[in-house]
Amino acid sequence: MVIVESKTVVVRKIFELYLNGWGVRKIKKYLEENGIKTVTGKNVWSTSTIDRILSNEKYVGDVLMQKSFTEDFLTGKRKKNEGELAMYFIENDHEAIVSREVFKKVQERKAK
């Protein structure tokens, strides 16, 4: 896992805004109005992308392996793992972008 510093600023800002009471739509508007591009270089953010960023354990340094798998190797079709295969959780796998405390607070707020 290679951390790109220019991208960490955006991820940390998303977490910060969310903890300050902003919803994903308001964060989307902020990112677009400030000309902050997505990781793929797009000018338009989706709320689902922002939501996934806020839920992704990789930003705290952990990895959950086999969340999805290749169902058909001939077509390359991927499938969400719904118990078909074992998943493996690796804590502290790589350097964190956000602290565990911040990540935990975000998950608590999302659960409400």
PDB file of N, CA and C in Angstrom:
ATOM      1  N   MET A   1       0.849  -1.173   0.000  1.00  0.00           N
ATOM      2  CA  MET A   1       0.000   0.000   0.000  1.00  0.00           C
ATOM      3  C   MET A   1       0.896   1.237   0.000  1.00  0.00           C
ATOM      4  N   VAL A   2       0.722   2.079  -1.004  1.00  0.00           N
ATOM      5  CA  VAL A   2       1.508   3.294  -1.117  1.00  0.00           C
ATOM      6  C   VAL A   2       0.598   4.486  -0.857  1.00  0.00           C
ATOM      7  N   ILE A   3       0.995   5.335   0.088  1.00  0.00           N
ATOM      8  CA  ILE A   3       0.191   6.502   0.432  1.00  0.00           C
ATOM      9  C   ILE A   3       0.653   7.678  -0.416  1.00  0.00           C
ATOM     10  N   VAL A   4      -0.301   8.327  -1.086  1.00  0.00           N
ATOM     11  CA  VAL A   4      -0.025   9.508  -1.896  1.00  0.00           C
ATOM     12  C   VAL A   4      -0.453  10.719  -1.069  1.00  0.00           C
ATOM     13  N   GLU A   5       0.522  11.490  -0.611  1.00  0.00           N
ATOM     14  CA  GLU A   5       0.255  12.599   0.316  1.00  0.00           C
ATOM     15  C   GLU A   5      -0.798  13.576  -0.197  1.00  0.00           C
ATOM     16  N   SER A   6      -0.777  13.895  -1.491  1.00  0.00           N
ATOM     17  CA  SER A   6      -1.754  14.858  -2.021  1.00  0.00           C
ATOM     18  C   SER A   6      -3.188  14.346  -1.875  1.00  0.00           C
ATOM     19  N   LYS A   7      -3.367  13.029  -1.894  1.00  0.00           N
ATOM     20  CA  LYS A   7      -4.702  12.438  -1.751  1.00  0.00           C
ATOM     21  C   LYS A   7      -5.112  12.339  -0.281  1.00  0.00           C
ATOM     22  N   THR A   8      -4.136  12.208   0.614  1.00  0.00           N
ATOM     23  CA  THR A   8      -4.475  12.085   2.040  1.00  0.00           C
ATOM     24  C   THR A   8      -5.137  13.352   2.565  1.00  0.00           C
ATOM     25  N   VAL A   9      -4.754  14.496   2.009  1.00  0.00           N
ATOM     26  CA  VAL A   9      -5.343  15.771   2.430  1.00  0.00           C
ATOM     27  C   VAL A   9      -6.843  15.754   2.176  1.00  0.00           C
ATOM     28  N   VAL A  10      -7.250  15.239   1.031  1.00  0.00           N
ATOM     29  CA  VAL A  10      -8.668  15.180   0.665  1.00  0.00           C
ATOM     30  C   VAL A  10      -9.408  14.216   1.583  1.00  0.00           C
ATOM     31  N   VAL A  11      -8.836  13.040   1.813  1.00  0.00           N
ATOM     32  CA  VAL A  11      -9.476  12.045   2.686  1.00  0.00           C
ATOM     33  C   VAL A  11      -9.640  12.603   4.094  1.00  0.00           C
ATOM     34  N   ARG A  12      -8.594  13.208   4.625  1.00  0.00           N
ATOM     35  CA  ARG A  12      -8.673  13.783   5.983  1.00  0.00           C
ATOM     36  C   ARG A  12      -9.712  14.891   6.049  1.00  0.00           C
ATOM     37  N   LYS A  13      -9.806  15.702   4.988  1.00  0.00           N
ATOM     38  CA  LYS A  13     -10.796  16.784   4.945  1.00  0.00           C
ATOM     39  C   LYS A  13     -12.208  16.214   4.961  1.00  0.00           C
ATOM     40  N   ILE A  14     -12.442  15.135   4.217  1.00  0.00           N
ATOM     41  CA  ILE A  14     -13.770  14.503   4.188  1.00  0.00           C
ATOM     42  C   ILE A  14     -14.138  14.021   5.593  1.00  0.00           C
ATOM     43  N   PHE A  15     -13.207  13.356   6.277  1.00  0.00           N
ATOM     44  CA  PHE A  15     -13.465  12.894   7.643  1.00  0.00           C
ATOM     45  C   PHE A  15     -13.716  14.073   8.583  1.00  0.00           C
ATOM     46  N   GLU A  16     -12.917  15.118   8.450  1.00  0.00           N
ATOM     47  CA  GLU A  16     -13.063  16.301   9.302  1.00  0.00           C
ATOM     48  C   GLU A  16     -14.430  16.953   9.115  1.00  0.00           C
ATOM     49  N   LEU A  17     -14.825  17.173   7.864  1.00  0.00           N
ATOM     50  CA  LEU A  17     -16.116  17.801   7.586  1.00  0.00           C
ATOM     51  C   LEU A  17     -17.266  16.958   8.127  1.00  0.00           C
ATOM     52  N   TYR A  18     -17.165  15.652   7.956  1.00  0.00           N
ATOM     53  CA  TYR A  18     -18.227  14.763   8.436  1.00  0.00           C
ATOM     54  C   TYR A  18     -18.356  14.850   9.958  1.00  0.00           C
ATOM     55  N   LEU A  19     -17.219  14.871  10.639  1.00  0.00           N
ATOM     56  CA  LEU A  19     -17.262  14.968  12.106  1.00  0.00           C
ATOM     57  C   LEU A  19     -17.749  16.335  12.576  1.00  0.00           C
ATOM     58  N   ASN A  20     -17.644  17.329  11.703  1.00  0.00           N
ATOM     59  CA  ASN A  20     -18.149  18.663  12.038  1.00  0.00           C
ATOM     60  C   ASN A  20     -19.631  18.810  11.720  1.00  0.00           C
ATOM     61  N   GLY A  21     -20.281  17.683  11.404  1.00  0.00           N
ATOM     62  CA  GLY A  21     -21.723  17.697  11.205  1.00  0.00           C
ATOM     63  C   GLY A  21     -22.185  17.804   9.770  1.00  0.00           C
ATOM     64  N   TRP A  22     -21.266  17.816   8.829  1.00  0.00           N
ATOM     65  CA  TRP A  22     -21.640  17.906   7.423  1.00  0.00           C
ATOM     66  C   TRP A  22     -22.120  16.549   6.924  1.00  0.00           C
ATOM     67  N   GLY A  23     -23.134  16.548   6.087  1.00  0.00           N
ATOM     68  CA  GLY A  23     -23.583  15.323   5.448  1.00  0.00           C
ATOM     69  C   GLY A  23     -22.824  15.100   4.152  1.00  0.00           C
ATOM     70  N   VAL A  24     -23.007  13.939   3.551  1.00  0.00           N
ATOM     71  CA  VAL A  24     -22.255  13.615   2.332  1.00  0.00           C
ATOM     72  C   VAL A  24     -22.629  14.534   1.165  1.00  0.00           C
ATOM     73  N   ARG A  25     -23.864  15.013   1.091  1.00  0.00           N
ATOM     74  CA  ARG A  25     -24.251  15.933   0.010  1.00  0.00           C
ATOM     75  C   ARG A  25     -23.547  17.282   0.148  1.00  0.00           C
ATOM     76  N   LYS A  26     -23.457  17.752   1.369  1.00  0.00           N
ATOM     77  CA  LYS A  26     -22.773  19.026   1.621  1.00  0.00           C
ATOM     78  C   LYS A  26     -21.264  18.886   1.365  1.00  0.00           C
ATOM     79  N   ILE A  27     -20.693  17.741   1.729  1.00  0.00           N
ATOM     80  CA  ILE A  27     -19.272  17.482   1.469  1.00  0.00           C
ATOM     81  C   ILE A  27     -19.041  17.426  -0.039  1.00  0.00           C
ATOM     82  N   LYS A  28     -19.925  16.764  -0.769  1.00  0.00           N
ATOM     83  CA  LYS A  28     -19.846  16.694  -2.235  1.00  0.00           C
ATOM     84  C   LYS A  28     -19.802  18.094  -2.829  1.00  0.00           C
ATOM     85  N   LYS A  29     -20.702  18.941  -2.381  1.00  0.00           N
ATOM     86  CA  LYS A  29     -20.777  20.314  -2.882  1.00  0.00           C
ATOM     87  C   LYS A  29     -19.478  21.071  -2.569  1.00  0.00           C
ATOM     88  N   TYR A  30     -18.966  20.903  -1.366  1.00  0.00           N
ATOM     89  CA  TYR A  30     -17.719  21.560  -0.966  1.00  0.00           C
ATOM     90  C   TYR A  30     -16.561  21.130  -1.873  1.00  0.00           C
ATOM     91  N   LEU A  31     -16.425  19.834  -2.094  1.00  0.00           N
ATOM     92  CA  LEU A  31     -15.332  19.317  -2.919  1.00  0.00           C
ATOM     93  C   LEU A  31     -15.418  19.854  -4.343  1.00  0.00           C
ATOM     94  N   GLU A  32     -16.620  19.849  -4.901  1.00  0.00           N
ATOM     95  CA  GLU A  32     -16.807  20.307  -6.277  1.00  0.00           C
ATOM     96  C   GLU A  32     -16.583  21.817  -6.396  1.00  0.00           C
ATOM     97  N   GLU A  33     -17.104  22.579  -5.442  1.00  0.00           N
ATOM     98  CA  GLU A  33     -16.943  24.039  -5.485  1.00  0.00           C
ATOM     99  C   GLU A  33     -15.495  24.467  -5.305  1.00  0.00           C
ATOM    100  N   ASN A  34     -14.696  23.638  -4.628  1.00  0.00           N
ATOM    101  CA  ASN A  34     -13.295  23.961  -4.401  1.00  0.00           C
ATOM    102  C   ASN A  34     -12.367  23.318  -5.432  1.00  0.00           C
ATOM    103  N   GLY A  35     -12.954  22.738  -6.464  1.00  0.00           N
ATOM    104  CA  GLY A  35     -12.169  22.182  -7.566  1.00  0.00           C
ATOM    105  C   GLY A  35     -11.345  20.968  -7.194  1.00  0.00           C
ATOM    106  N   ILE A  36     -11.776  20.254  -6.165  1.00  0.00           N
ATOM    107  CA  ILE A  36     -11.054  19.055  -5.727  1.00  0.00           C
ATOM    108  C   ILE A  36     -11.534  17.878  -6.565  1.00  0.00           C
ATOM    109  N   LYS A  37     -10.613  17.280  -7.279  1.00  0.00           N
ATOM    110  CA  LYS A  37     -10.959  16.182  -8.183  1.00  0.00           C
ATOM    111  C   LYS A  37     -10.979  14.837  -7.453  1.00  0.00           C
ATOM    112  N   THR A  38     -11.728  13.913  -8.029  1.00  0.00           N
ATOM    113  CA  THR A  38     -11.754  12.550  -7.504  1.00  0.00           C
ATOM    114  C   THR A  38     -10.425  11.880  -7.820  1.00  0.00           C
ATOM    115  N   VAL A  39     -10.224  10.693  -7.272  1.00  0.00           N
ATOM    116  CA  VAL A  39      -8.984   9.960  -7.516  1.00  0.00           C
ATOM    117  C   VAL A  39      -8.812   9.635  -9.001  1.00  0.00           C
ATOM    118  N   THR A  40      -9.908   9.568  -9.737  1.00  0.00           N
ATOM    119  CA  THR A  40      -9.838   9.295 -11.172  1.00  0.00           C
ATOM    120  C   THR A  40      -9.789  10.571 -12.008  1.00  0.00           C
ATOM    121  N   GLY A  41      -9.709  11.723 -11.346  1.00  0.00           N
ATOM    122  CA  GLY A  41      -9.565  12.993 -12.052  1.00  0.00           C
ATOM    123  C   GLY A  41     -10.863  13.669 -12.458  1.00  0.00           C
ATOM    124  N   LYS A  42     -11.981  13.170 -11.964  1.00  0.00           N
ATOM    125  CA  LYS A  42     -13.275  13.763 -12.316  1.00  0.00           C
ATOM    126  C   LYS A  42     -13.552  14.984 -11.435  1.00  0.00           C
ATOM    127  N   ASN A  43     -14.358  15.905 -11.974  1.00  0.00           N
ATOM    128  CA  ASN A  43     -14.753  17.108 -11.232  1.00  0.00           C
ATOM    129  C   ASN A  43     -15.997  16.883 -10.384  1.00  0.00           C
ATOM    130  N   VAL A  44     -16.770  15.842 -10.717  1.00  0.00           N
ATOM    131  CA  VAL A  44     -18.032  15.557 -10.034  1.00  0.00           C
ATOM    132  C   VAL A  44     -17.841  14.360  -9.107  1.00  0.00           C
ATOM    133  N   TRP A  45     -18.207  14.560  -7.840  1.00  0.00           N
ATOM    134  CA  TRP A  45     -18.125  13.505  -6.826  1.00  0.00           C
ATOM    135  C   TRP A  45     -19.490  12.849  -6.675  1.00  0.00           C
ATOM    136  N   SER A  46     -19.500  11.570  -6.356  1.00  0.00           N
ATOM    137  CA  SER A  46     -20.776  10.923  -6.033  1.00  0.00           C
ATOM    138  C   SER A  46     -20.858  10.805  -4.506  1.00  0.00           C
ATOM    139  N   THR A  47     -22.067  10.889  -4.008  1.00  0.00           N
ATOM    140  CA  THR A  47     -22.249  10.759  -2.558  1.00  0.00           C
ATOM    141  C   THR A  47     -21.871   9.361  -2.095  1.00  0.00           C
ATOM    142  N   SER A  48     -22.059   8.364  -2.959  1.00  0.00           N
ATOM    143  CA  SER A  48     -21.711   6.993  -2.572  1.00  0.00           C
ATOM    144  C   SER A  48     -20.195   6.834  -2.438  1.00  0.00           C
ATOM    145  N   THR A  49     -19.423   7.540  -3.253  1.00  0.00           N
ATOM    146  CA  THR A  49     -17.969   7.501  -3.129  1.00  0.00           C
ATOM    147  C   THR A  49     -17.535   8.095  -1.796  1.00  0.00           C
ATOM    148  N   ILE A  50     -18.128   9.205  -1.432  1.00  0.00           N
ATOM    149  CA  ILE A  50     -17.800   9.851  -0.156  1.00  0.00           C
ATOM    150  C   ILE A  50     -18.178   8.937   0.989  1.00  0.00           C
ATOM    151  N   ASP A  51     -19.342   8.310   0.894  1.00  0.00           N
ATOM    152  CA  ASP A  51     -19.784   7.381   1.930  1.00  0.00           C
ATOM    153  C   ASP A  51     -18.830   6.193   2.055  1.00  0.00           C
ATOM    154  N   ARG A  52     -18.362   5.669   0.924  1.00  0.00           N
ATOM    155  CA  ARG A  52     -17.410   4.552   0.950  1.00  0.00           C
ATOM    156  C   ARG A  52     -16.085   4.967   1.580  1.00  0.00           C
ATOM    157  N   ILE A  53     -15.642   6.182   1.296  1.00  0.00           N
ATOM    158  CA  ILE A  53     -14.405   6.675   1.910  1.00  0.00           C
ATOM    159  C   ILE A  53     -14.561   6.689   3.423  1.00  0.00           C
ATOM    160  N   LEU A  54     -15.698   7.160   3.896  1.00  0.00           N
ATOM    161  CA  LEU A  54     -15.939   7.253   5.338  1.00  0.00           C
ATOM    162  C   LEU A  54     -16.055   5.881   6.009  1.00  0.00           C
ATOM    163  N   SER A  55     -16.323   4.837   5.234  1.00  0.00           N
ATOM    164  CA  SER A  55     -16.494   3.484   5.780  1.00  0.00           C
ATOM    165  C   SER A  55     -15.290   2.576   5.556  1.00  0.00           C
ATOM    166  N   ASN A  56     -14.334   3.019   4.764  1.00  0.00           N
ATOM    167  CA  ASN A  56     -13.245   2.147   4.326  1.00  0.00           C
ATOM    168  C   ASN A  56     -12.178   1.983   5.410  1.00  0.00           C
ATOM    169  N   GLU A  57     -12.010   0.758   5.871  1.00  0.00           N
ATOM    170  CA  GLU A  57     -11.049   0.453   6.937  1.00  0.00           C
ATOM    171  C   GLU A  57      -9.597   0.685   6.517  1.00  0.00           C
ATOM    172  N   LYS A  58      -9.367   0.768   5.225  1.00  0.00           N
ATOM    173  CA  LYS A  58      -7.988   0.975   4.755  1.00  0.00           C
ATOM    174  C   LYS A  58      -7.430   2.317   5.222  1.00  0.00           C
ATOM    175  N   TYR A  59      -8.291   3.315   5.398  1.00  0.00           N
ATOM    176  CA  TYR A  59      -7.819   4.636   5.809  1.00  0.00           C
ATOM    177  C   TYR A  59      -7.332   4.683   7.252  1.00  0.00           C
ATOM    178  N   VAL A  60      -7.651   3.657   8.029  1.00  0.00           N
ATOM    179  CA  VAL A  60      -7.167   3.577   9.404  1.00  0.00           C
ATOM    180  C   VAL A  60      -6.003   2.584   9.520  1.00  0.00           C
ATOM    181  N   GLY A  61      -5.596   2.032   8.389  1.00  0.00           N
ATOM    182  CA  GLY A  61      -4.434   1.149   8.367  1.00  0.00           C
ATOM    183  C   GLY A  61      -4.744  -0.331   8.391  1.00  0.00           C
ATOM    184  N   ASP A  62      -6.021  -0.693   8.306  1.00  0.00           N
ATOM    185  CA  ASP A  62      -6.437  -2.095   8.346  1.00  0.00           C
ATOM    186  C   ASP A  62      -6.845  -2.564   6.944  1.00  0.00           C
ATOM    187  N   VAL A  63      -6.953  -3.872   6.794  1.00  0.00           N
ATOM    188  CA  VAL A  63      -7.396  -4.447   5.520  1.00  0.00           C
ATOM    189  C   VAL A  63      -8.352  -5.599   5.808  1.00  0.00           C
ATOM    190  N   LEU A  64      -9.470  -5.614   5.113  1.00  0.00           N
ATOM    191  CA  LEU A  64     -10.376  -6.757   5.123  1.00  0.00           C
ATOM    192  C   LEU A  64     -10.250  -7.398   3.746  1.00  0.00           C
ATOM    193  N   MET A  65      -9.651  -8.584   3.733  1.00  0.00           N
ATOM    194  CA  MET A  65      -9.377  -9.250   2.458  1.00  0.00           C
ATOM    195  C   MET A  65     -10.549 -10.131   2.036  1.00  0.00           C
ATOM    196  N   GLN A  66     -10.719 -10.244   0.723  1.00  0.00           N
ATOM    197  CA  GLN A  66     -11.752 -11.050   0.081  1.00  0.00           C
ATOM    198  C   GLN A  66     -13.157 -10.521   0.319  1.00  0.00           C
ATOM    199  N   LYS A  67     -13.305  -9.176   0.264  1.00  0.00           N
ATOM    200  CA  LYS A  67     -14.639  -8.585   0.314  1.00  0.00           C
ATOM    201  C   LYS A  67     -15.409  -8.955  -0.951  1.00  0.00           C
ATOM    202  N   SER A  68     -14.638  -9.172  -2.016  1.00  0.00           N
ATOM    203  CA  SER A  68     -15.229  -9.640  -3.266  1.00  0.00           C
ATOM    204  C   SER A  68     -14.254 -10.632  -3.883  1.00  0.00           C
ATOM    205  N   PHE A  69     -14.744 -11.338  -4.873  1.00  0.00           N
ATOM    206  CA  PHE A  69     -13.895 -12.327  -5.518  1.00  0.00           C
ATOM    207  C   PHE A  69     -14.303 -12.471  -6.981  1.00  0.00           C
ATOM    208  N   THR A  70     -13.414 -13.058  -7.769  1.00  0.00           N
ATOM    209  CA  THR A  70     -13.705 -13.301  -9.176  1.00  0.00           C
ATOM    210  C   THR A  70     -14.550 -14.558  -9.269  1.00  0.00           C
ATOM    211  N   GLU A  71     -15.785 -14.364  -9.663  1.00  0.00           N
ATOM    212  CA  GLU A  71     -16.754 -15.464  -9.747  1.00  0.00           C
ATOM    213  C   GLU A  71     -16.499 -16.326 -10.981  1.00  0.00           C
ATOM    214  N   ASP A  72     -16.152 -15.682 -12.081  1.00  0.00           N
ATOM    215  CA  ASP A  72     -15.926 -16.390 -13.333  1.00  0.00           C
ATOM    216  C   ASP A  72     -14.619 -15.893 -13.953  1.00  0.00           C
ATOM    217  N   PHE A  73     -13.617 -16.741 -13.957  1.00  0.00           N
ATOM    218  CA  PHE A  73     -12.307 -16.336 -14.459  1.00  0.00           C
ATOM    219  C   PHE A  73     -12.305 -16.091 -15.965  1.00  0.00           C
ATOM    220  N   LEU A  74     -13.215 -16.706 -16.684  1.00  0.00           N
ATOM    221  CA  LEU A  74     -13.273 -16.494 -18.126  1.00  0.00           C
ATOM    222  C   LEU A  74     -13.766 -15.096 -18.472  1.00  0.00           C
ATOM    223  N   THR A  75     -14.771 -14.630 -17.734  1.00  0.00           N
ATOM    224  CA  THR A  75     -15.322 -13.296 -18.003  1.00  0.00           C
ATOM    225  C   THR A  75     -14.704 -12.239 -17.093  1.00  0.00           C
ATOM    226  N   GLY A  76     -14.071 -12.674 -16.008  1.00  0.00           N
ATOM    227  CA  GLY A  76     -13.503 -11.728 -15.043  1.00  0.00           C
ATOM    228  C   GLY A  76     -14.556 -11.114 -14.139  1.00  0.00           C
ATOM    229  N   LYS A  77     -15.772 -11.682 -14.157  1.00  0.00           N
ATOM    230  CA  LYS A  77     -16.878 -11.142 -13.367  1.00  0.00           C
ATOM    231  C   LYS A  77     -16.580 -11.259 -11.877  1.00  0.00           C
ATOM    232  N   ARG A  78     -16.721 -10.118 -11.167  1.00  0.00           N
ATOM    233  CA  ARG A  78     -16.489 -10.080  -9.727  1.00  0.00           C
ATOM    234  C   ARG A  78     -17.815 -10.169  -8.990  1.00  0.00           C
ATOM    235  N   LYS A  79     -17.771 -10.696  -7.768  1.00  0.00           N
ATOM    236  CA  LYS A  79     -18.973 -10.855  -6.948  1.00  0.00           C
ATOM    237  C   LYS A  79     -18.650 -10.451  -5.517  1.00  0.00           C
ATOM    238  N   LYS A  80     -19.577  -9.758  -4.882  1.00  0.00           N
ATOM    239  CA  LYS A  80     -19.432  -9.422  -3.471  1.00  0.00           C
ATOM    240  C   LYS A  80     -19.455 -10.718  -2.660  1.00  0.00           C
ATOM    241  N   ASN A  81     -18.513 -10.844  -1.747  1.00  0.00           N
ATOM    242  CA  ASN A  81     -18.430 -12.041  -0.913  1.00  0.00           C
ATOM    243  C   ASN A  81     -19.513 -11.967   0.165  1.00  0.00           C
ATOM    244  N   GLU A  82     -20.485 -12.840   0.059  1.00  0.00           N
ATOM    245  CA  GLU A  82     -21.583 -12.898   1.029  1.00  0.00           C
ATOM    246  C   GLU A  82     -21.505 -14.191   1.823  1.00  0.00           C
ATOM    247  N   GLY A  83     -20.271 -14.572   2.181  1.00  0.00           N
ATOM    248  CA  GLY A  83     -20.061 -15.769   2.966  1.00  0.00           C
ATOM    249  C   GLY A  83     -19.582 -16.967   2.178  1.00  0.00           C
ATOM    250  N   GLU A  84     -19.445 -16.818   0.881  1.00  0.00           N
ATOM    251  CA  GLU A  84     -18.978 -17.928   0.059  1.00  0.00           C
ATOM    252  C   GLU A  84     -17.525 -18.299   0.389  1.00  0.00           C
ATOM    253  N   LEU A  85     -16.733 -17.278   0.684  1.00  0.00           N
ATOM    254  CA  LEU A  85     -15.321 -17.482   1.029  1.00  0.00           C
ATOM    255  C   LEU A  85     -15.031 -16.830   2.376  1.00  0.00           C
ATOM    256  N   ALA A  86     -13.990 -17.311   3.029  1.00  0.00           N
ATOM    257  CA  ALA A  86     -13.570 -16.694   4.286  1.00  0.00           C
ATOM    258  C   ALA A  86     -12.987 -15.318   4.008  1.00  0.00           C
ATOM    259  N   MET A  87     -13.240 -14.377   4.922  1.00  0.00           N
ATOM    260  CA  MET A  87     -12.632 -13.054   4.851  1.00  0.00           C
ATOM    261  C   MET A  87     -11.567 -12.986   5.932  1.00  0.00           C
ATOM    262  N   TYR A  88     -10.534 -12.214   5.664  1.00  0.00           N
ATOM    263  CA  TYR A  88      -9.427 -12.092   6.612  1.00  0.00           C
ATOM    264  C   TYR A  88      -9.210 -10.626   6.945  1.00  0.00           C
ATOM    265  N   PHE A  89      -9.254 -10.313   8.236  1.00  0.00           N
ATOM    266  CA  PHE A  89      -9.059  -8.944   8.708  1.00  0.00           C
ATOM    267  C   PHE A  89      -7.640  -8.807   9.242  1.00  0.00           C
ATOM    268  N   ILE A  90      -6.898  -7.861   8.692  1.00  0.00           N
ATOM    269  CA  ILE A  90      -5.522  -7.619   9.125  1.00  0.00           C
ATOM    270  C   ILE A  90      -5.453  -6.209   9.694  1.00  0.00           C
ATOM    271  N   GLU A  91      -5.185  -6.135  10.981  1.00  0.00           N
ATOM    272  CA  GLU A  91      -5.090  -4.854  11.678  1.00  0.00           C
ATOM    273  C   GLU A  91      -3.674  -4.307  11.558  1.00  0.00           C
ATOM    274  N   ASN A  92      -3.563  -2.985  11.422  1.00  0.00           N
ATOM    275  CA  ASN A  92      -2.269  -2.291  11.316  1.00  0.00           C
ATOM    276  C   ASN A  92      -1.422  -2.837  10.168  1.00  0.00           C
ATOM    277  N   ASP A  93      -2.043  -3.072   9.038  1.00  0.00           N
ATOM    278  CA  ASP A  93      -1.353  -3.602   7.868  1.00  0.00           C
ATOM    279  C   ASP A  93      -0.440  -2.562   7.217  1.00  0.00           C
ATOM    280  N   HIS A  94      -0.843  -1.315   7.297  1.00  0.00           N
ATOM    281  CA  HIS A  94      -0.087  -0.244   6.661  1.00  0.00           C
ATOM    282  C   HIS A  94      -0.310   1.052   7.437  1.00  0.00           C
ATOM    283  N   GLU A  95       0.398   2.092   7.011  1.00  0.00           N
ATOM    284  CA  GLU A  95       0.288   3.397   7.667  1.00  0.00           C
ATOM    285  C   GLU A  95      -1.139   3.938   7.540  1.00  0.00           C
ATOM    286  N   ALA A  96      -1.651   4.474   8.624  1.00  0.00           N
ATOM    287  CA  ALA A  96      -3.005   5.025   8.636  1.00  0.00           C
ATOM    288  C   ALA A  96      -3.019   6.453   8.084  1.00  0.00           C
ATOM    289  N   ILE A  97      -4.123   6.825   7.474  1.00  0.00           N
ATOM    290  CA  ILE A  97      -4.327   8.195   7.006  1.00  0.00           C
ATOM    291  C   ILE A  97      -5.129   8.975   8.037  1.00  0.00           C
ATOM    292  N   VAL A  98      -6.074   8.300   8.692  1.00  0.00           N
ATOM    293  CA  VAL A  98      -6.840   8.919   9.779  1.00  0.00           C
ATOM    294  C   VAL A  98      -6.641   8.079  11.039  1.00  0.00           C
ATOM    295  N   SER A  99      -6.760   8.737  12.170  1.00  0.00           N
ATOM    296  CA  SER A  99      -6.554   8.030  13.444  1.00  0.00           C
ATOM    297  C   SER A  99      -7.713   7.085  13.732  1.00  0.00           C
ATOM    298  N   ARG A 100      -7.453   6.107  14.568  1.00  0.00           N
ATOM    299  CA  ARG A 100      -8.511   5.162  14.978  1.00  0.00           C
ATOM    300  C   ARG A 100      -9.641   5.905  15.681  1.00  0.00           C
ATOM    301  N   GLU A 101      -9.278   6.901  16.473  1.00  0.00           N
ATOM    302  CA  GLU A 101     -10.285   7.678  17.206  1.00  0.00           C
ATOM    303  C   GLU A 101     -11.228   8.383  16.233  1.00  0.00           C
ATOM    304  N   VAL A 102     -10.680   9.038  15.223  1.00  0.00           N
ATOM    305  CA  VAL A 102     -11.494   9.730  14.216  1.00  0.00           C
ATOM    306  C   VAL A 102     -12.354   8.718  13.458  1.00  0.00           C
ATOM    307  N   PHE A 103     -11.753   7.619  13.024  1.00  0.00           N
ATOM    308  CA  PHE A 103     -12.489   6.600  12.273  1.00  0.00           C
ATOM    309  C   PHE A 103     -13.641   6.047  13.120  1.00  0.00           C
ATOM    310  N   LYS A 104     -13.370   5.766  14.376  1.00  0.00           N
ATOM    311  CA  LYS A 104     -14.401   5.221  15.267  1.00  0.00           C
ATOM    312  C   LYS A 104     -15.553   6.219  15.447  1.00  0.00           C
ATOM    313  N   LYS A 105     -15.223   7.495  15.632  1.00  0.00           N
ATOM    314  CA  LYS A 105     -16.261   8.517  15.794  1.00  0.00           C
ATOM    315  C   LYS A 105     -17.134   8.623  14.543  1.00  0.00           C
ATOM    316  N   VAL A 106     -16.504   8.528  13.384  1.00  0.00           N
ATOM    317  CA  VAL A 106     -17.259   8.581  12.127  1.00  0.00           C
ATOM    318  C   VAL A 106     -18.201   7.379  12.025  1.00  0.00           C
ATOM    319  N   GLN A 107     -17.714   6.182  12.360  1.00  0.00           N
ATOM    320  CA  GLN A 107     -18.560   4.990  12.288  1.00  0.00           C
ATOM    321  C   GLN A 107     -19.731   5.090  13.267  1.00  0.00           C
ATOM    322  N   GLU A 108     -19.495   5.643  14.445  1.00  0.00           N
ATOM    323  CA  GLU A 108     -20.576   5.836  15.415  1.00  0.00           C
ATOM    324  C   GLU A 108     -21.611   6.805  14.888  1.00  0.00           C
ATOM    325  N   ARG A 109     -21.152   7.906  14.286  1.00  0.00           N
ATOM    326  CA  ARG A 109     -22.085   8.889  13.745  1.00  0.00           C
ATOM    327  C   ARG A 109     -22.878   8.293  12.583  1.00  0.00           C
ATOM    328  N   LYS A 110     -22.223   7.511  11.737  1.00  0.00           N
ATOM    329  CA  LYS A 110     -22.914   6.881  10.607  1.00  0.00           C
ATOM    330  C   LYS A 110     -23.984   5.900  11.080  1.00  0.00           C
ATOM    331  N   ALA A 111     -23.736   5.259  12.205  1.00  0.00           N
ATOM    332  CA  ALA A 111     -24.675   4.253  12.721  1.00  0.00           C
ATOM    333  C   ALA A 111     -25.956   4.888  13.267  1.00  0.00           C
ATOM    334  N   LYS A 112     -25.909   6.181  13.564  1.00  0.00           N
ATOM    335  CA  LYS A 112     -27.082   6.857  14.137  1.00  0.00           C
ATOM    336  C   LYS A 112     -28.104   7.209  13.092  1.00  0.00           C
TER     337      LYS A 112
END
